[in-house]
Protein backbone atom coordinates (compact mmCIF):
# COMPACT_ATOMS: atom_id res chain seq x y z
CA UNK A 1 80.00 157.83 86.37
CA UNK A 2 81.82 155.19 88.47
CA UNK A 3 79.49 152.38 87.35
CA UNK A 4 80.02 153.26 83.69
CA UNK A 5 83.79 153.18 84.15
CA UNK A 6 83.65 149.81 85.92
CA UNK A 7 81.44 148.42 83.17
CA UNK A 8 83.83 149.68 80.47
CA UNK A 9 86.86 148.20 82.23
CA UNK A 10 85.07 144.91 82.79
CA UNK A 11 84.05 144.73 79.12
CA UNK A 12 87.65 145.46 78.11
CA UNK A 13 88.97 142.68 80.38
CA UNK A 14 86.39 140.19 79.11
CA UNK A 15 87.21 141.17 75.51
CA UNK A 16 90.93 140.59 76.08
CA UNK A 17 90.29 137.20 77.69
CA UNK A 18 88.04 136.09 74.83
CA UNK A 19 90.62 137.27 72.26
CA UNK A 20 93.39 135.30 73.98
CA UNK A 21 91.20 132.19 74.11
CA UNK A 22 90.44 132.54 70.40
CA UNK A 23 94.15 132.85 69.55
CA UNK A 24 94.99 129.81 71.69
CA UNK A 25 92.18 127.80 70.06
CA UNK A 26 93.50 128.62 66.56
CA UNK A 27 97.00 127.56 67.55
CA UNK A 28 95.74 124.27 68.99
CA UNK A 29 93.72 123.62 65.83
CA UNK A 30 96.83 124.18 63.70
CA UNK A 31 98.84 121.79 65.88
CA UNK A 32 96.06 119.21 65.71
CA UNK A 33 95.91 119.40 61.92
CA UNK A 34 99.69 119.11 61.64
CA UNK A 35 99.83 116.16 64.07
CA UNK A 36 96.99 114.43 62.19
CA UNK A 37 98.84 114.79 58.90
CA UNK A 38 102.03 113.37 60.43
CA UNK A 39 100.10 110.48 61.97
CA UNK A 40 98.46 109.73 58.62
CA UNK A 41 101.88 109.69 56.98
CA UNK A 42 103.22 107.32 59.62
CA UNK A 43 100.17 105.06 59.25
CA UNK A 44 100.74 104.98 55.49
CA UNK A 45 104.29 103.78 56.03
CA UNK A 46 103.15 101.11 58.48
CA UNK A 47 100.40 99.89 56.14
CA UNK A 48 102.85 99.67 53.25
CA UNK A 49 105.29 97.66 55.35
CA UNK A 50 102.55 95.41 56.79
CA UNK A 51 101.07 94.70 53.36
CA UNK A 52 104.40 93.23 52.31
CA UNK A 53 105.51 96.13 50.18
CA UNK A 54 109.00 95.78 48.84
CA UNK A 55 111.74 97.49 50.84
CA UNK A 56 112.33 99.76 47.85
CA UNK A 57 108.65 100.84 47.85
CA UNK A 58 108.77 101.58 51.59
CA UNK A 59 112.00 103.56 51.21
CA UNK A 60 110.55 105.54 48.29
CA UNK A 61 107.36 106.30 50.24
CA UNK A 62 109.34 107.47 53.27
CA UNK A 63 111.64 109.51 51.03
CA UNK A 64 108.68 111.35 49.49
CA UNK A 65 107.15 111.95 52.92
CA UNK A 66 110.42 113.37 54.31
CA UNK A 67 110.90 115.64 51.31
CA UNK A 68 107.39 117.00 51.72
CA UNK A 69 107.41 117.23 55.52
CA UNK A 70 110.82 118.86 55.87
CA UNK A 71 110.79 120.85 52.62
CA UNK A 72 113.90 119.10 51.34
CA UNK A 73 115.15 119.20 47.76
CA UNK A 74 115.79 115.49 48.04
CA UNK A 75 117.09 112.74 50.29
CA UNK A 76 118.45 109.22 49.97
CA UNK A 77 118.56 106.01 51.99
CA UNK A 78 121.82 104.24 52.61
CA UNK A 79 121.88 100.65 53.85
CA UNK A 80 124.12 100.08 56.83
CA UNK A 81 124.20 99.78 60.57
CA UNK A 82 122.01 102.17 62.52
CA UNK A 83 123.58 104.67 64.91
CA UNK A 84 121.63 103.04 67.77
CA UNK A 85 123.13 99.64 66.95
CA UNK A 86 126.59 101.17 66.78
CA UNK A 87 126.10 102.85 70.14
CA UNK A 88 124.76 99.63 71.69
CA UNK A 89 127.75 97.66 70.43
CA UNK A 90 130.09 100.06 72.24
CA UNK A 91 128.49 99.37 75.63
CA UNK A 92 129.32 96.51 77.98
CA UNK A 93 126.68 94.54 79.86
CA UNK A 94 126.49 97.16 82.63
CA UNK A 95 125.63 99.80 80.05
CA UNK A 96 129.02 101.48 80.36
CA UNK A 97 131.43 102.20 77.52
CA UNK A 98 134.18 99.66 76.99
CA UNK A 99 137.55 100.60 78.38
CA UNK A 100 140.03 101.35 75.65
């Protein structure tokens, strides 16, 4: 009777391990598919910009991608200074904020 019990417990443990590996594999596949779609979208933007697409065409392409990716109702592009440029302008040469 002891051998049968050990066999049953061992089969249960192996079954649980295989189930967990299957779940992990499915999650990794989903992440891989999502990452591939995002990379494809990014490559499309780069190709459009490299091919000399007009700024309006690039902005429209990125707008459509953002709406689809983030599930937005819409979005818009506003010309101006980037936040990074604004932050960089507020730093002195040592990388510290200017004294006010």
